[in-house]
């Protein structure tokens, strides 16, 4: 995937990595400008799933069923299962990491599409993983 932007004339153009790094590094870095690979992110979510320390707890409420704690949104998500997730995006890239700790399954979604795409993927994966739930 390559980041894209829409010009003033409405045409979609590719945004080159060097432009991103040099022009926006100082302002975007505090928002989580993390450069990684799909393989590394898969290792990370695998480690989070394997963690049995019960550290995924909501400290700050967001809604009635969800809160925020240690960088993750934690709550009762799809199919009333405990869900832990975090997403973000910069410059034409979006990402979403999620997992269901009680079921020991999760995924990382990396795309250059909108966040609504991530929601659709999470729902479909949950339907496939938990067909009877």
C-alpha atoms as a PDB file:
ATOM      1  CA  UNK A   1       0.000   0.000   0.000  1.00  0.00           C
ATOM      2  CA  UNK A   2       1.168   3.506  -0.747  1.00  0.00           C
ATOM      3  CA  UNK A   3      -0.231   6.668   0.824  1.00  0.00           C
ATOM      4  CA  UNK A   4      -2.336   8.859  -1.407  1.00  0.00           C
ATOM      5  CA  UNK A   5      -3.820  12.324  -1.275  1.00  0.00           C
ATOM      6  CA  UNK A   6      -6.388  14.201  -3.335  1.00  0.00           C
ATOM      7  CA  UNK A   7      -5.127  17.335  -5.057  1.00  0.00           C
ATOM      8  CA  UNK A   8      -7.075  20.571  -5.377  1.00  0.00           C
ATOM      9  CA  UNK A   9      -8.135  19.503  -8.877  1.00  0.00           C
ATOM     10  CA  UNK A  10      -9.645  16.272  -7.527  1.00  0.00           C
ATOM     11  CA  UNK A  11      -7.002  13.902  -8.871  1.00  0.00           C
ATOM     12  CA  UNK A  12      -5.599  11.199  -6.606  1.00  0.00           C
ATOM     13  CA  UNK A  13      -1.830  11.343  -6.288  1.00  0.00           C
ATOM     14  CA  UNK A  14       0.730   9.117  -4.601  1.00  0.00           C
ATOM     15  CA  UNK A  15       2.484  10.622  -1.594  1.00  0.00           C
ATOM     16  CA  UNK A  16       6.117   9.540  -1.496  1.00  0.00           C
ATOM     17  CA  UNK A  17       7.706   8.241   1.729  1.00  0.00           C
ATOM     18  CA  UNK A  18      10.606  10.680   1.682  1.00  0.00           C
ATOM     19  CA  UNK A  19       8.139  13.580   1.625  1.00  0.00           C
ATOM     20  CA  UNK A  20       6.310  12.079   4.586  1.00  0.00           C
ATOM     21  CA  UNK A  21       9.380  11.494   6.668  1.00  0.00           C
ATOM     22  CA  UNK A  22      11.082  14.813   6.047  1.00  0.00           C
ATOM     23  CA  UNK A  23       8.109  17.172   5.903  1.00  0.00           C
ATOM     24  CA  UNK A  24       5.873  15.796   8.652  1.00  0.00           C
ATOM     25  CA  UNK A  25       8.196  13.918  11.003  1.00  0.00           C
ATOM     26  CA  UNK A  26       8.257  16.521  13.791  1.00  0.00           C
ATOM     27  CA  UNK A  27       4.501  17.088  13.839  1.00  0.00           C
ATOM     28  CA  UNK A  28       3.352  13.495  13.244  1.00  0.00           C
ATOM     29  CA  UNK A  29       5.785  11.594  15.470  1.00  0.00           C
ATOM     30  CA  UNK A  30       3.941  12.351  18.739  1.00  0.00           C
ATOM     31  CA  UNK A  31       0.767  10.894  17.200  1.00  0.00           C
ATOM     32  CA  UNK A  32       2.455   7.527  16.774  1.00  0.00           C
ATOM     33  CA  UNK A  33       4.473   7.721  13.592  1.00  0.00           C
ATOM     34  CA  UNK A  34       5.579   4.092  13.865  1.00  0.00           C
ATOM     35  CA  UNK A  35       7.176   2.439  10.866  1.00  0.00           C
ATOM     36  CA  UNK A  36       6.768  -1.327  10.993  1.00  0.00           C
ATOM     37  CA  UNK A  37       5.942  -4.364   8.895  1.00  0.00           C
ATOM     38  CA  UNK A  38       2.967  -6.691   8.828  1.00  0.00           C
ATOM     39  CA  UNK A  39       5.194  -9.510  10.131  1.00  0.00           C
ATOM     40  CA  UNK A  40       6.341  -7.436  13.128  1.00  0.00           C
ATOM     41  CA  UNK A  41       2.804  -6.324  13.931  1.00  0.00           C
ATOM     42  CA  UNK A  42       1.639  -9.966  13.785  1.00  0.00           C
ATOM     43  CA  UNK A  43       4.357 -10.854  16.314  1.00  0.00           C
ATOM     44  CA  UNK A  44       3.199  -8.015  18.528  1.00  0.00           C
ATOM     45  CA  UNK A  45      -0.480  -9.024  18.540  1.00  0.00           C
ATOM     46  CA  UNK A  46       0.569 -12.637  19.169  1.00  0.00           C
ATOM     47  CA  UNK A  47       2.517 -11.491  22.239  1.00  0.00           C
ATOM     48  CA  UNK A  48      -0.460  -9.445  23.468  1.00  0.00           C
ATOM     49  CA  UNK A  49      -2.778 -12.445  23.085  1.00  0.00           C
ATOM     50  CA  UNK A  50      -0.334 -14.663  24.989  1.00  0.00           C
ATOM     51  CA  UNK A  51      -0.164 -12.183  27.899  1.00  0.00           C
ATOM     52  CA  UNK A  52      -2.124 -13.629  30.818  1.00  0.00           C
ATOM     53  CA  UNK A  53      -1.382 -10.839  33.312  1.00  0.00           C
ATOM     54  CA  UNK A  54      -4.887  -9.357  33.140  1.00  0.00           C
ATOM     55  CA  UNK A  55      -3.394  -5.942  32.385  1.00  0.00           C
ATOM     56  CA  UNK A  56      -5.949  -5.142  29.689  1.00  0.00           C
ATOM     57  CA  UNK A  57      -8.387  -3.219  31.847  1.00  0.00           C
ATOM     58  CA  UNK A  58     -10.230   0.020  31.157  1.00  0.00           C
ATOM     59  CA  UNK A  59      -9.033   2.818  33.427  1.00  0.00           C
ATOM     60  CA  UNK A  60     -10.775   5.789  31.793  1.00  0.00           C
ATOM     61  CA  UNK A  61     -14.413   5.289  30.659  1.00  0.00           C
ATOM     62  CA  UNK A  62     -15.251   6.116  27.023  1.00  0.00           C
ATOM     63  CA  UNK A  63     -18.797   4.730  26.818  1.00  0.00           C
ATOM     64  CA  UNK A  64     -20.967   2.558  29.047  1.00  0.00           C
ATOM     65  CA  UNK A  65     -19.348  -0.607  27.654  1.00  0.00           C
ATOM     66  CA  UNK A  66     -15.856   0.585  26.773  1.00  0.00           C
ATOM     67  CA  UNK A  67     -12.929   2.360  28.380  1.00  0.00           C
ATOM     68  CA  UNK A  68      -9.316   3.262  27.721  1.00  0.00           C
ATOM     69  CA  UNK A  69      -6.277   1.779  29.427  1.00  0.00           C
ATOM     70  CA  UNK A  70      -2.579   1.406  28.626  1.00  0.00           C
ATOM     71  CA  UNK A  71      -3.026   2.654  25.059  1.00  0.00           C
ATOM     72  CA  UNK A  72      -5.913   0.345  24.196  1.00  0.00           C
ATOM     73  CA  UNK A  73      -9.673   0.668  24.064  1.00  0.00           C
ATOM     74  CA  UNK A  74     -10.980  -2.181  26.209  1.00  0.00           C
ATOM     75  CA  UNK A  75     -14.560  -3.304  26.503  1.00  0.00           C
ATOM     76  CA  UNK A  76     -17.407  -5.523  25.483  1.00  0.00           C
ATOM     77  CA  UNK A  77     -17.394  -5.572  21.718  1.00  0.00           C
ATOM     78  CA  UNK A  78     -18.786  -7.862  19.070  1.00  0.00           C
ATOM     79  CA  UNK A  79     -20.724 -10.861  20.303  1.00  0.00           C
ATOM     80  CA  UNK A  80     -20.385  -9.573  23.886  1.00  0.00           C
ATOM     81  CA  UNK A  81     -16.762 -10.691  24.020  1.00  0.00           C
ATOM     82  CA  UNK A  82     -14.011  -8.725  25.734  1.00  0.00           C
ATOM     83  CA  UNK A  83     -12.305  -6.795  22.959  1.00  0.00           C
ATOM     84  CA  UNK A  84      -8.989  -4.938  23.089  1.00  0.00           C
ATOM     85  CA  UNK A  85      -8.087  -2.652  20.185  1.00  0.00           C
ATOM     86  CA  UNK A  86      -6.243   0.410  18.959  1.00  0.00           C
ATOM     87  CA  UNK A  87      -6.197   2.048  15.575  1.00  0.00           C
ATOM     88  CA  UNK A  88      -4.775   5.087  13.899  1.00  0.00           C
ATOM     89  CA  UNK A  89      -3.635   6.588  10.681  1.00  0.00           C
ATOM     90  CA  UNK A  90      -1.424   9.141   9.010  1.00  0.00           C
ATOM     91  CA  UNK A  91      -0.983  10.393   5.463  1.00  0.00           C
ATOM     92  CA  UNK A  92      -3.067   7.840   3.586  1.00  0.00           C
ATOM     93  CA  UNK A  93      -2.285   4.852   5.802  1.00  0.00           C
ATOM     94  CA  UNK A  94      -4.614   3.404   8.416  1.00  0.00           C
ATOM     95  CA  UNK A  95      -4.084   0.584  10.869  1.00  0.00           C
ATOM     96  CA  UNK A  96      -6.088  -1.311  13.426  1.00  0.00           C
ATOM     97  CA  UNK A  97      -4.897  -3.913  15.927  1.00  0.00           C
ATOM     98  CA  UNK A  98      -7.525  -5.915  17.794  1.00  0.00           C
ATOM     99  CA  UNK A  99      -7.870  -9.106  19.737  1.00  0.00           C
ATOM    100  CA  UNK A 100     -10.294 -11.097  21.842  1.00  0.00           C
ATOM    101  CA  UNK A 101      -8.222 -12.154  24.905  1.00  0.00           C
ATOM    102  CA  UNK A 102     -10.640 -14.807  26.144  1.00  0.00           C
ATOM    103  CA  UNK A 103     -10.649 -16.494  22.740  1.00  0.00           C
ATOM    104  CA  UNK A 104      -6.885 -16.030  22.130  1.00  0.00           C
ATOM    105  CA  UNK A 105      -7.372 -14.660  18.620  1.00  0.00           C
ATOM    106  CA  UNK A 106      -6.729 -11.300  16.982  1.00  0.00           C
ATOM    107  CA  UNK A 107      -5.419  -9.536  13.907  1.00  0.00           C
ATOM    108  CA  UNK A 108      -3.757  -6.436  12.539  1.00  0.00           C
ATOM    109  CA  UNK A 109      -5.266  -4.573   9.602  1.00  0.00           C
ATOM    110  CA  UNK A 110      -3.008  -2.296   7.552  1.00  0.00           C
ATOM    111  CA  UNK A 111      -4.509  -0.422   4.615  1.00  0.00           C
ATOM    112  CA  UNK A 112      -4.673   2.794   2.707  1.00  0.00           C
ATOM    113  CA  UNK A 113      -8.460   2.789   2.998  1.00  0.00           C
ATOM    114  CA  UNK A 114     -10.827   4.447   5.453  1.00  0.00           C
ATOM    115  CA  UNK A 115     -11.514   3.241   8.992  1.00  0.00           C
ATOM    116  CA  UNK A 116     -14.922   1.936   7.861  1.00  0.00           C
ATOM    117  CA  UNK A 117     -12.962  -0.729   5.948  1.00  0.00           C
ATOM    118  CA  UNK A 118     -11.369  -1.867   9.232  1.00  0.00           C
ATOM    119  CA  UNK A 119     -14.777  -2.135  10.895  1.00  0.00           C
ATOM    120  CA  UNK A 120     -16.038  -4.346   8.072  1.00  0.00           C
ATOM    121  CA  UNK A 121     -12.951  -6.595   8.261  1.00  0.00           C
ATOM    122  CA  UNK A 122     -13.191  -6.963  12.056  1.00  0.00           C
ATOM    123  CA  UNK A 123     -16.884  -7.882  11.795  1.00  0.00           C
ATOM    124  CA  UNK A 124     -16.269 -10.432   9.061  1.00  0.00           C
ATOM    125  CA  UNK A 125     -13.348 -12.045  10.891  1.00  0.00           C
ATOM    126  CA  UNK A 126     -15.427 -12.291  14.068  1.00  0.00           C
ATOM    127  CA  UNK A 127     -18.247 -13.933  12.089  1.00  0.00           C
ATOM    128  CA  UNK A 128     -15.783 -16.493  10.720  1.00  0.00           C
ATOM    129  CA  UNK A 129     -14.049 -17.098  14.061  1.00  0.00           C
ATOM    130  CA  UNK A 130     -17.246 -17.293  16.149  1.00  0.00           C
ATOM    131  CA  UNK A 131     -20.029 -18.592  13.862  1.00  0.00           C
ATOM    132  CA  UNK A 132     -22.266 -19.759  16.692  1.00  0.00           C
ATOM    133  CA  UNK A 133     -21.793 -16.769  18.968  1.00  0.00           C
END
